[in-house]
Amino acid sequence: MRMGGHMISRLALLAVLALALRARDGGAQSVPAVSVDLTAGAGSTSTHAGDTWFRAANAAMVSADLAVRIGGAGRTRVVVVLGYSLDVAPGDHLTDCPLAPNGGCKGYFPNTFGPSIGVGLRQALGQRGLVGVTAGVASYASQARFAEVDASWRLVSHLAIVGEFRYIDMPFGGQRAWFLPLTFGARLYW
């Protein structure tokens, strides 16, 4: 069942990308000067990092991003993206101890809430589509690195639906842990 959920998420992102790529070049919009994304979703995680095994192989993410275009109007522009991911799994993380394959207790995946900053490139496609790539750093449970692709489709003036696929890599327990969230939401822009 888990694989089916991943397939549906990937197909939904591909649909958003296909809509953006289907747009005609005539009358193309400019990359917005400022945009705000509000997204939520989930994705798979590494099962362990070093001797620490995690309770689940997936996690959730809710985030808000502010992107500011560098330079004047145009179809392809550099953007700086400031983000903040919210804590979506607060609560008691110490009550029980499910056994890990190494005989220890399984732990929770490292926190992925906190601020981030990245630099990217966005490309306007036709009158309604916008695609982008971003890479940056974040301050989560530890200093993390991320790379992201996004696509949006304008519904009405200043409002679009957006899909984002992100790869997050962070040190944990002397090893590396990763997270692949796929999120969907709204993009407001000016």
N, C-alpha and C. Protein backbone atom coordinates (compact mmCIF):
# COMPACT_ATOMS: atom_id res chain seq x y z
N MET A 1 0.83 -1.20 0.00
CA MET A 1 0.00 0.00 0.00
C MET A 1 0.86 1.25 0.00
N ARG A 2 2.00 1.19 0.71
CA ARG A 2 2.87 2.36 0.76
C ARG A 2 3.37 2.73 -0.62
N MET A 3 3.71 1.74 -1.45
CA MET A 3 4.19 2.01 -2.80
C MET A 3 3.12 2.71 -3.61
N GLY A 4 1.84 2.30 -3.45
CA GLY A 4 0.75 2.94 -4.17
C GLY A 4 0.63 4.41 -3.83
N GLY A 5 0.82 4.76 -2.56
CA GLY A 5 0.77 6.16 -2.14
C GLY A 5 1.87 6.97 -2.79
N HIS A 6 3.07 6.37 -2.88
CA HIS A 6 4.18 7.06 -3.54
C HIS A 6 3.86 7.27 -5.02
N MET A 7 3.27 6.26 -5.65
CA MET A 7 2.96 6.36 -7.07
C MET A 7 1.94 7.47 -7.32
N ILE A 8 0.93 7.55 -6.49
CA ILE A 8 -0.09 8.60 -6.64
C ILE A 8 0.54 9.98 -6.47
N SER A 9 1.40 10.14 -5.47
CA SER A 9 2.06 11.42 -5.24
C SER A 9 2.92 11.81 -6.42
N ARG A 10 3.67 10.87 -6.95
CA ARG A 10 4.54 11.17 -8.09
C ARG A 10 3.73 11.49 -9.34
N LEU A 11 2.62 10.77 -9.53
CA LEU A 11 1.77 11.05 -10.68
C LEU A 11 1.14 12.44 -10.57
N ALA A 12 0.75 12.84 -9.37
CA ALA A 12 0.17 14.17 -9.17
C ALA A 12 1.20 15.26 -9.50
N LEU A 13 2.45 15.08 -9.05
CA LEU A 13 3.50 16.05 -9.37
C LEU A 13 3.75 16.07 -10.87
N LEU A 14 3.78 14.92 -11.51
CA LEU A 14 3.97 14.87 -12.96
C LEU A 14 2.83 15.57 -13.70
N ALA A 15 1.61 15.46 -13.17
CA ALA A 15 0.48 16.15 -13.79
C ALA A 15 0.65 17.66 -13.73
N VAL A 16 1.10 18.17 -12.58
CA VAL A 16 1.35 19.61 -12.45
C VAL A 16 2.45 20.03 -13.42
N LEU A 17 3.52 19.24 -13.52
CA LEU A 17 4.60 19.56 -14.45
C LEU A 17 4.11 19.51 -15.90
N ALA A 18 3.28 18.51 -16.23
CA ALA A 18 2.76 18.40 -17.60
C ALA A 18 1.90 19.61 -17.95
N LEU A 19 1.07 20.05 -17.02
CA LEU A 19 0.26 21.24 -17.28
C LEU A 19 1.14 22.47 -17.54
N ALA A 20 2.20 22.60 -16.74
CA ALA A 20 3.10 23.73 -16.93
C ALA A 20 3.82 23.63 -18.27
N LEU A 21 4.28 22.45 -18.64
CA LEU A 21 5.01 22.29 -19.90
C LEU A 21 4.11 22.40 -21.12
N ARG A 22 2.83 22.14 -20.96
CA ARG A 22 1.86 22.21 -22.05
C ARG A 22 1.56 23.65 -22.44
N ALA A 23 1.86 24.58 -21.54
CA ALA A 23 1.56 25.99 -21.79
C ALA A 23 2.29 26.48 -23.04
N ARG A 24 1.66 27.39 -23.77
CA ARG A 24 2.26 27.96 -24.97
C ARG A 24 3.19 29.10 -24.59
N ASP A 25 4.20 29.32 -25.44
CA ASP A 25 5.16 30.39 -25.17
C ASP A 25 4.56 31.77 -25.39
N GLY A 26 3.56 31.90 -26.24
CA GLY A 26 2.99 33.21 -26.55
C GLY A 26 2.43 33.88 -25.31
N GLY A 27 2.79 35.12 -25.07
CA GLY A 27 2.27 35.87 -23.94
C GLY A 27 2.73 35.33 -22.61
N ALA A 28 3.93 34.81 -22.55
CA ALA A 28 4.44 34.22 -21.31
C ALA A 28 4.48 35.25 -20.19
N GLN A 29 4.19 34.78 -19.00
CA GLN A 29 4.29 35.63 -17.82
C GLN A 29 5.76 35.79 -17.44
N SER A 30 6.03 36.72 -16.57
CA SER A 30 7.36 36.90 -16.00
C SER A 30 7.44 36.11 -14.71
N VAL A 31 8.65 35.76 -14.30
CA VAL A 31 8.83 35.16 -12.98
C VAL A 31 8.37 36.20 -11.96
N PRO A 32 7.49 35.84 -11.02
CA PRO A 32 6.99 36.82 -10.05
C PRO A 32 8.12 37.47 -9.23
N ALA A 33 7.95 38.74 -8.91
CA ALA A 33 8.93 39.46 -8.09
C ALA A 33 9.00 38.86 -6.69
N VAL A 34 7.85 38.50 -6.12
CA VAL A 34 7.76 37.92 -4.78
C VAL A 34 6.67 36.84 -4.81
N SER A 35 6.96 35.71 -4.19
CA SER A 35 5.93 34.69 -4.06
C SER A 35 6.02 34.05 -2.67
N VAL A 36 4.88 33.55 -2.21
CA VAL A 36 4.79 32.86 -0.92
C VAL A 36 4.10 31.53 -1.17
N ASP A 37 4.78 30.43 -0.80
CA ASP A 37 4.22 29.09 -0.93
C ASP A 37 3.83 28.57 0.45
N LEU A 38 2.65 27.98 0.55
CA LEU A 38 2.19 27.30 1.76
C LEU A 38 1.89 25.87 1.34
N THR A 39 2.68 24.90 1.81
CA THR A 39 2.55 23.52 1.34
C THR A 39 2.55 22.53 2.49
N ALA A 40 1.99 21.36 2.21
CA ALA A 40 1.99 20.26 3.18
C ALA A 40 2.10 18.96 2.41
N GLY A 41 2.73 17.98 3.03
CA GLY A 41 2.86 16.69 2.39
C GLY A 41 3.67 15.74 3.26
N ALA A 42 4.18 14.70 2.63
CA ALA A 42 4.94 13.68 3.34
C ALA A 42 5.88 13.00 2.37
N GLY A 43 6.76 12.16 2.91
CA GLY A 43 7.67 11.43 2.05
C GLY A 43 8.44 10.39 2.82
N SER A 44 9.22 9.62 2.09
CA SER A 44 9.99 8.56 2.70
C SER A 44 11.26 9.11 3.35
N THR A 45 11.78 8.35 4.31
CA THR A 45 12.99 8.73 5.03
C THR A 45 13.94 7.52 5.04
N SER A 46 15.17 7.78 5.43
CA SER A 46 16.09 6.66 5.64
C SER A 46 15.58 5.84 6.82
N THR A 47 15.84 4.54 6.80
CA THR A 47 15.37 3.66 7.88
C THR A 47 16.25 3.76 9.11
N HIS A 48 17.50 4.16 8.92
CA HIS A 48 18.41 4.31 10.05
C HIS A 48 19.59 5.19 9.65
N ALA A 49 20.29 5.67 10.65
CA ALA A 49 21.53 6.43 10.47
C ALA A 49 22.51 5.88 11.50
N GLY A 50 23.52 5.18 11.03
CA GLY A 50 24.44 4.54 11.96
C GLY A 50 23.72 3.48 12.77
N ASP A 51 23.88 3.52 14.08
CA ASP A 51 23.24 2.55 14.98
C ASP A 51 21.83 2.96 15.40
N THR A 52 21.36 4.12 14.95
CA THR A 52 20.02 4.57 15.31
C THR A 52 19.03 4.15 14.22
N TRP A 53 18.06 3.34 14.61
CA TRP A 53 16.99 2.91 13.70
C TRP A 53 15.77 3.78 13.99
N PHE A 54 15.06 4.15 12.94
CA PHE A 54 13.90 5.03 13.09
C PHE A 54 12.61 4.22 13.12
N ARG A 55 11.62 4.74 13.84
CA ARG A 55 10.34 4.07 14.02
C ARG A 55 9.57 3.89 12.71
N ALA A 56 9.61 4.89 11.86
CA ALA A 56 8.85 4.84 10.61
C ALA A 56 9.77 5.22 9.45
N ALA A 57 9.42 4.77 8.27
CA ALA A 57 10.22 5.08 7.09
C ALA A 57 9.58 6.21 6.29
N ASN A 58 8.79 7.05 6.98
CA ASN A 58 8.20 8.22 6.33
C ASN A 58 7.93 9.30 7.39
N ALA A 59 7.79 10.52 6.91
CA ALA A 59 7.54 11.66 7.81
C ALA A 59 6.70 12.70 7.07
N ALA A 60 6.14 13.62 7.83
CA ALA A 60 5.31 14.68 7.25
C ALA A 60 6.08 16.00 7.26
N MET A 61 5.63 16.93 6.41
CA MET A 61 6.25 18.25 6.37
C MET A 61 5.19 19.30 6.01
N VAL A 62 5.21 20.39 6.74
CA VAL A 62 4.38 21.56 6.44
C VAL A 62 5.35 22.74 6.40
N SER A 63 5.30 23.52 5.32
CA SER A 63 6.27 24.60 5.21
C SER A 63 5.69 25.84 4.55
N ALA A 64 6.35 26.95 4.80
CA ALA A 64 6.05 28.24 4.17
C ALA A 64 7.36 28.76 3.59
N ASP A 65 7.32 29.19 2.33
CA ASP A 65 8.51 29.72 1.66
C ASP A 65 8.22 31.09 1.07
N LEU A 66 9.19 31.97 1.18
CA LEU A 66 9.13 33.29 0.56
C LEU A 66 10.23 33.35 -0.48
N ALA A 67 9.87 33.53 -1.75
CA ALA A 67 10.85 33.63 -2.83
C ALA A 67 10.88 35.06 -3.35
N VAL A 68 12.08 35.59 -3.51
CA VAL A 68 12.27 36.95 -4.03
C VAL A 68 13.12 36.86 -5.29
N ARG A 69 12.58 37.41 -6.37
CA ARG A 69 13.29 37.41 -7.65
C ARG A 69 14.45 38.39 -7.60
N ILE A 70 15.58 37.98 -8.16
CA ILE A 70 16.75 38.86 -8.28
C ILE A 70 16.73 39.44 -9.69
N GLY A 71 16.75 40.75 -9.80
CA GLY A 71 16.75 41.39 -11.11
C GLY A 71 15.35 41.74 -11.57
N GLY A 72 15.29 42.30 -12.78
CA GLY A 72 14.02 42.75 -13.36
C GLY A 72 13.17 41.61 -13.87
N ALA A 73 12.05 41.98 -14.49
CA ALA A 73 11.11 41.01 -15.03
C ALA A 73 11.77 40.20 -16.15
N GLY A 74 11.33 38.96 -16.28
CA GLY A 74 11.84 38.10 -17.34
C GLY A 74 11.32 36.69 -17.16
N ARG A 75 11.47 35.86 -18.19
CA ARG A 75 10.95 34.49 -18.17
C ARG A 75 11.81 33.55 -17.33
N THR A 76 13.11 33.79 -17.23
CA THR A 76 14.01 32.95 -16.44
C THR A 76 14.79 33.85 -15.49
N ARG A 77 14.66 33.61 -14.20
CA ARG A 77 15.31 34.48 -13.23
C ARG A 77 15.81 33.70 -12.02
N VAL A 78 16.85 34.25 -11.41
CA VAL A 78 17.38 33.72 -10.15
C VAL A 78 16.46 34.18 -9.02
N VAL A 79 16.23 33.29 -8.04
CA VAL A 79 15.42 33.64 -6.86
C VAL A 79 16.18 33.24 -5.60
N VAL A 80 15.94 33.99 -4.54
CA VAL A 80 16.40 33.63 -3.20
C VAL A 80 15.16 33.18 -2.44
N VAL A 81 15.25 32.01 -1.80
CA VAL A 81 14.09 31.43 -1.13
C VAL A 81 14.38 31.30 0.37
N LEU A 82 13.56 31.97 1.18
CA LEU A 82 13.62 31.86 2.64
C LEU A 82 12.45 30.99 3.06
N GLY A 83 12.70 29.98 3.89
CA GLY A 83 11.62 29.08 4.26
C GLY A 83 11.59 28.80 5.74
N TYR A 84 10.48 28.24 6.17
CA TYR A 84 10.34 27.76 7.54
C TYR A 84 9.43 26.53 7.51
N SER A 85 9.92 25.43 8.04
CA SER A 85 9.13 24.22 8.17
C SER A 85 8.60 24.13 9.59
N LEU A 86 7.33 23.78 9.71
CA LEU A 86 6.67 23.73 11.01
C LEU A 86 6.79 22.35 11.64
N ASP A 87 6.73 22.31 12.97
CA ASP A 87 6.76 21.05 13.72
C ASP A 87 5.39 20.40 13.60
N VAL A 88 5.31 19.28 12.88
CA VAL A 88 4.02 18.61 12.69
C VAL A 88 3.87 17.36 13.54
N ALA A 89 4.90 17.02 14.33
CA ALA A 89 4.81 15.81 15.17
C ALA A 89 5.26 16.10 16.60
N PRO A 90 4.65 17.11 17.26
CA PRO A 90 5.04 17.36 18.65
C PRO A 90 4.49 16.27 19.56
N GLY A 91 4.99 16.25 20.77
CA GLY A 91 4.44 15.30 21.74
C GLY A 91 5.51 14.49 22.42
N ASP A 92 5.06 13.46 23.12
CA ASP A 92 5.92 12.60 23.93
C ASP A 92 6.67 11.62 23.04
N HIS A 93 7.99 11.74 23.01
CA HIS A 93 8.82 10.84 22.21
C HIS A 93 9.61 9.87 23.08
N LEU A 94 9.25 9.75 24.35
CA LEU A 94 10.06 8.94 25.26
C LEU A 94 9.28 7.82 25.96
N THR A 95 7.99 7.68 25.71
CA THR A 95 7.17 6.76 26.50
C THR A 95 7.49 5.29 26.28
N ASP A 96 7.63 4.85 25.03
CA ASP A 96 7.84 3.43 24.78
C ASP A 96 9.15 3.18 24.06
N CYS A 97 9.47 1.90 23.87
CA CYS A 97 10.76 1.54 23.28
C CYS A 97 10.59 0.36 22.32
N PRO A 98 10.12 0.61 21.08
CA PRO A 98 10.07 -0.50 20.13
C PRO A 98 11.49 -0.95 19.80
N LEU A 99 11.70 -2.25 19.73
CA LEU A 99 13.04 -2.78 19.52
C LEU A 99 13.51 -2.60 18.07
N ALA A 100 14.76 -2.18 17.96
CA ALA A 100 15.42 -2.02 16.66
C ALA A 100 16.16 -3.32 16.32
N PRO A 101 16.52 -3.53 15.05
CA PRO A 101 17.26 -4.74 14.67
C PRO A 101 18.57 -4.93 15.43
N ASN A 102 19.16 -3.86 15.94
CA ASN A 102 20.42 -3.99 16.69
C ASN A 102 20.20 -4.17 18.18
N GLY A 103 18.94 -4.32 18.62
CA GLY A 103 18.64 -4.56 20.03
C GLY A 103 18.36 -3.31 20.84
N GLY A 104 18.61 -2.13 20.29
CA GLY A 104 18.31 -0.88 20.98
C GLY A 104 16.87 -0.46 20.75
N CYS A 105 16.54 0.73 21.18
CA CYS A 105 15.21 1.29 20.95
C CYS A 105 15.19 2.04 19.61
N LYS A 106 14.09 1.90 18.88
CA LYS A 106 13.93 2.70 17.66
C LYS A 106 13.66 4.14 18.06
N GLY A 107 14.28 5.07 17.37
CA GLY A 107 14.08 6.48 17.66
C GLY A 107 13.19 7.14 16.62
N TYR A 108 12.87 8.37 16.88
CA TYR A 108 12.10 9.15 15.91
C TYR A 108 13.06 9.75 14.90
N PHE A 109 12.58 9.94 13.67
CA PHE A 109 13.40 10.58 12.64
C PHE A 109 13.75 11.99 13.13
N PRO A 110 14.95 12.48 12.82
CA PRO A 110 15.34 13.83 13.29
C PRO A 110 14.32 14.90 12.89
N ASN A 111 14.18 15.90 13.74
CA ASN A 111 13.25 17.00 13.46
C ASN A 111 13.61 17.68 12.15
N THR A 112 12.59 17.97 11.37
CA THR A 112 12.79 18.71 10.12
C THR A 112 11.98 20.00 10.15
N PHE A 113 11.96 20.64 11.30
CA PHE A 113 11.32 21.95 11.37
C PHE A 113 12.39 22.99 11.70
N GLY A 114 12.18 24.18 11.15
CA GLY A 114 13.13 25.26 11.35
C GLY A 114 13.33 26.05 10.08
N PRO A 115 14.24 27.03 10.10
CA PRO A 115 14.45 27.91 8.95
C PRO A 115 15.35 27.30 7.88
N SER A 116 15.18 27.80 6.66
CA SER A 116 16.04 27.39 5.55
C SER A 116 16.26 28.58 4.62
N ILE A 117 17.34 28.51 3.84
CA ILE A 117 17.62 29.52 2.82
C ILE A 117 18.21 28.82 1.61
N GLY A 118 17.79 29.25 0.44
CA GLY A 118 18.29 28.64 -0.78
C GLY A 118 18.35 29.63 -1.91
N VAL A 119 19.05 29.24 -2.97
CA VAL A 119 19.13 30.03 -4.19
C VAL A 119 18.69 29.12 -5.32
N GLY A 120 17.89 29.66 -6.23
CA GLY A 120 17.39 28.82 -7.30
C GLY A 120 17.16 29.57 -8.59
N LEU A 121 16.56 28.88 -9.51
CA LEU A 121 16.25 29.41 -10.82
C LEU A 121 14.80 29.07 -11.13
N ARG A 122 14.03 30.06 -11.55
CA ARG A 122 12.64 29.82 -11.94
C ARG A 122 12.44 30.22 -13.39
N GLN A 123 11.60 29.43 -14.07
CA GLN A 123 11.32 29.64 -15.49
C GLN A 123 9.81 29.71 -15.68
N ALA A 124 9.34 30.80 -16.30
CA ALA A 124 7.93 30.93 -16.63
C ALA A 124 7.67 30.14 -17.91
N LEU A 125 6.57 29.39 -17.93
CA LEU A 125 6.17 28.61 -19.09
C LEU A 125 4.77 29.04 -19.50
N GLY A 126 4.68 29.76 -20.60
CA GLY A 126 3.38 30.22 -21.06
C GLY A 126 2.79 31.26 -20.11
N GLN A 127 1.47 31.35 -20.15
CA GLN A 127 0.79 32.34 -19.34
C GLN A 127 0.49 31.86 -17.92
N ARG A 128 0.54 30.57 -17.68
CA ARG A 128 0.13 30.05 -16.38
C ARG A 128 1.16 29.20 -15.66
N GLY A 129 2.15 28.66 -16.35
CA GLY A 129 3.08 27.72 -15.74
C GLY A 129 4.35 28.36 -15.21
N LEU A 130 4.91 27.76 -14.18
CA LEU A 130 6.17 28.21 -13.60
C LEU A 130 6.86 26.98 -13.01
N VAL A 131 8.12 26.75 -13.37
CA VAL A 131 8.90 25.64 -12.81
C VAL A 131 10.17 26.21 -12.20
N GLY A 132 10.73 25.49 -11.24
CA GLY A 132 11.94 25.99 -10.60
C GLY A 132 12.77 24.89 -9.98
N VAL A 133 14.02 25.22 -9.72
CA VAL A 133 14.94 24.37 -8.97
C VAL A 133 15.61 25.25 -7.93
N THR A 134 15.85 24.69 -6.75
CA THR A 134 16.47 25.44 -5.65
C THR A 134 17.40 24.51 -4.88
N ALA A 135 18.49 25.04 -4.38
CA ALA A 135 19.39 24.30 -3.50
C ALA A 135 19.74 25.22 -2.34
N GLY A 136 19.92 24.63 -1.16
CA GLY A 136 20.24 25.48 -0.02
C GLY A 136 20.56 24.70 1.23
N VAL A 137 20.51 25.41 2.35
CA VAL A 137 20.81 24.84 3.66
C VAL A 137 19.65 25.15 4.60
N ALA A 138 19.54 24.31 5.64
CA ALA A 138 18.47 24.48 6.64
C ALA A 138 19.02 24.18 8.01
N SER A 139 18.38 24.74 9.02
CA SER A 139 18.74 24.48 10.41
C SER A 139 17.60 23.69 11.04
N TYR A 140 17.67 22.37 10.91
CA TYR A 140 16.66 21.48 11.49
C TYR A 140 17.23 20.88 12.78
N ALA A 141 17.13 19.58 12.97
CA ALA A 141 17.74 18.95 14.15
C ALA A 141 19.26 19.15 14.10
N SER A 142 19.77 19.30 12.89
CA SER A 142 21.17 19.62 12.64
C SER A 142 21.22 20.43 11.34
N GLN A 143 22.39 20.88 10.97
CA GLN A 143 22.51 21.63 9.72
C GLN A 143 22.25 20.68 8.56
N ALA A 144 21.28 21.00 7.73
CA ALA A 144 20.88 20.13 6.62
C ALA A 144 21.14 20.82 5.29
N ARG A 145 21.23 20.01 4.25
CA ARG A 145 21.31 20.51 2.87
C ARG A 145 20.06 20.03 2.16
N PHE A 146 19.61 20.82 1.16
CA PHE A 146 18.45 20.37 0.40
C PHE A 146 18.55 20.79 -1.06
N ALA A 147 17.84 20.05 -1.89
CA ALA A 147 17.64 20.40 -3.30
C ALA A 147 16.16 20.18 -3.57
N GLU A 148 15.57 21.05 -4.39
CA GLU A 148 14.13 21.01 -4.59
C GLU A 148 13.78 21.35 -6.03
N VAL A 149 12.75 20.70 -6.55
CA VAL A 149 12.14 21.09 -7.82
C VAL A 149 10.70 21.45 -7.51
N ASP A 150 10.18 22.45 -8.19
CA ASP A 150 8.78 22.83 -7.97
C ASP A 150 8.13 23.20 -9.29
N ALA A 151 6.83 23.10 -9.30
CA ALA A 151 6.04 23.50 -10.47
C ALA A 151 4.73 24.08 -9.96
N SER A 152 4.28 25.15 -10.63
CA SER A 152 2.99 25.74 -10.24
C SER A 152 2.18 26.05 -11.49
N TRP A 153 0.88 26.14 -11.28
CA TRP A 153 -0.07 26.43 -12.36
C TRP A 153 -1.02 27.51 -11.84
N ARG A 154 -1.01 28.67 -12.51
CA ARG A 154 -1.83 29.80 -12.06
C ARG A 154 -3.30 29.51 -12.30
N LEU A 155 -4.10 29.65 -11.25
CA LEU A 155 -5.55 29.46 -11.32
C LEU A 155 -6.24 30.78 -11.64
N VAL A 156 -5.90 31.81 -10.89
CA VAL A 156 -6.43 33.16 -11.07
C VAL A 156 -5.28 34.13 -10.80
N SER A 157 -5.52 35.39 -11.02
CA SER A 157 -4.48 36.39 -10.77
C SER A 157 -3.95 36.27 -9.35
N HIS A 158 -2.63 36.14 -9.21
CA HIS A 158 -1.93 36.10 -7.92
C HIS A 158 -2.12 34.82 -7.11
N LEU A 159 -2.73 33.76 -7.69
CA LEU A 159 -2.91 32.51 -6.96
C LEU A 159 -2.66 31.33 -7.88
N ALA A 160 -1.81 30.41 -7.42
CA ALA A 160 -1.50 29.20 -8.19
C ALA A 160 -1.50 27.98 -7.26
N ILE A 161 -1.68 26.79 -7.84
CA ILE A 161 -1.43 25.56 -7.10
C ILE A 161 0.04 25.22 -7.32
N VAL A 162 0.67 24.60 -6.33
CA VAL A 162 2.10 24.31 -6.43
C VAL A 162 2.38 22.91 -5.90
N GLY A 163 3.32 22.25 -6.54
CA GLY A 163 3.83 20.97 -6.07
C GLY A 163 5.34 21.08 -5.93
N GLU A 164 5.88 20.55 -4.85
CA GLU A 164 7.32 20.63 -4.59
C GLU A 164 7.85 19.25 -4.20
N PHE A 165 8.97 18.86 -4.77
CA PHE A 165 9.65 17.62 -4.41
C PHE A 165 11.03 18.01 -3.91
N ARG A 166 11.35 17.60 -2.69
CA ARG A 166 12.59 18.05 -2.05
C ARG A 166 13.41 16.84 -1.58
N TYR A 167 14.72 16.96 -1.67
CA TYR A 167 15.65 15.99 -1.09
C TYR A 167 16.38 16.71 0.04
N ILE A 168 16.28 16.15 1.26
CA ILE A 168 16.95 16.74 2.43
C ILE A 168 17.96 15.73 2.95
N ASP A 169 19.16 16.19 3.22
CA ASP A 169 20.25 15.36 3.72
C ASP A 169 20.81 16.04 4.96
N MET A 170 20.92 15.28 6.07
CA MET A 170 21.42 15.88 7.31
C MET A 170 22.27 14.89 8.10
N PRO A 171 23.27 15.40 8.83
CA PRO A 171 24.05 14.50 9.68
C PRO A 171 23.23 14.09 10.90
N PHE A 172 23.41 12.81 11.29
CA PHE A 172 22.70 12.32 12.47
C PHE A 172 23.48 11.12 13.01
N GLY A 173 23.87 11.18 14.27
CA GLY A 173 24.58 10.08 14.90
C GLY A 173 25.87 9.68 14.20
N GLY A 174 26.59 10.65 13.66
CA GLY A 174 27.83 10.36 12.97
C GLY A 174 27.63 9.84 11.56
N GLN A 175 26.40 9.72 11.11
CA GLN A 175 26.07 9.24 9.77
C GLN A 175 25.20 10.30 9.07
N ARG A 176 24.58 9.93 7.97
CA ARG A 176 23.69 10.84 7.26
C ARG A 176 22.29 10.24 7.24
N ALA A 177 21.28 11.08 7.39
CA ALA A 177 19.88 10.68 7.26
C ALA A 177 19.29 11.50 6.12
N TRP A 178 18.31 10.95 5.41
CA TRP A 178 17.69 11.67 4.29
C TRP A 178 16.17 11.62 4.40
N PHE A 179 15.55 12.57 3.71
CA PHE A 179 14.09 12.73 3.70
C PHE A 179 13.69 13.22 2.32
N LEU A 180 12.65 12.61 1.72
CA LEU A 180 12.18 12.96 0.38
C LEU A 180 10.71 13.37 0.41
N PRO A 181 10.39 14.56 0.91
CA PRO A 181 8.98 14.96 0.96
C PRO A 181 8.45 15.46 -0.38
N LEU A 182 7.21 15.12 -0.67
CA LEU A 182 6.46 15.64 -1.80
C LEU A 182 5.31 16.43 -1.20
N THR A 183 5.27 17.73 -1.48
CA THR A 183 4.26 18.58 -0.87
C THR A 183 3.44 19.29 -1.94
N PHE A 184 2.21 19.64 -1.58
CA PHE A 184 1.31 20.38 -2.46
C PHE A 184 0.67 21.51 -1.67
N GLY A 185 0.30 22.57 -2.37
CA GLY A 185 -0.34 23.69 -1.69
C GLY A 185 -0.64 24.83 -2.62
N ALA A 186 -0.55 26.03 -2.06
CA ALA A 186 -0.91 27.25 -2.79
C ALA A 186 0.30 28.18 -2.89
N ARG A 187 0.37 28.91 -3.98
CA ARG A 187 1.41 29.93 -4.18
C ARG A 187 0.70 31.26 -4.44
N LEU A 188 1.00 32.23 -3.59
CA LEU A 188 0.52 33.61 -3.77
C LEU A 188 1.68 34.40 -4.33
N TYR A 189 1.44 35.26 -5.31
CA TYR A 189 2.57 36.02 -5.88
C TYR A 189 2.15 37.40 -6.37
N TRP A 190 3.21 38.25 -6.45
CA TRP A 190 3.03 39.62 -6.91
C TRP A 190 4.10 39.96 -7.92
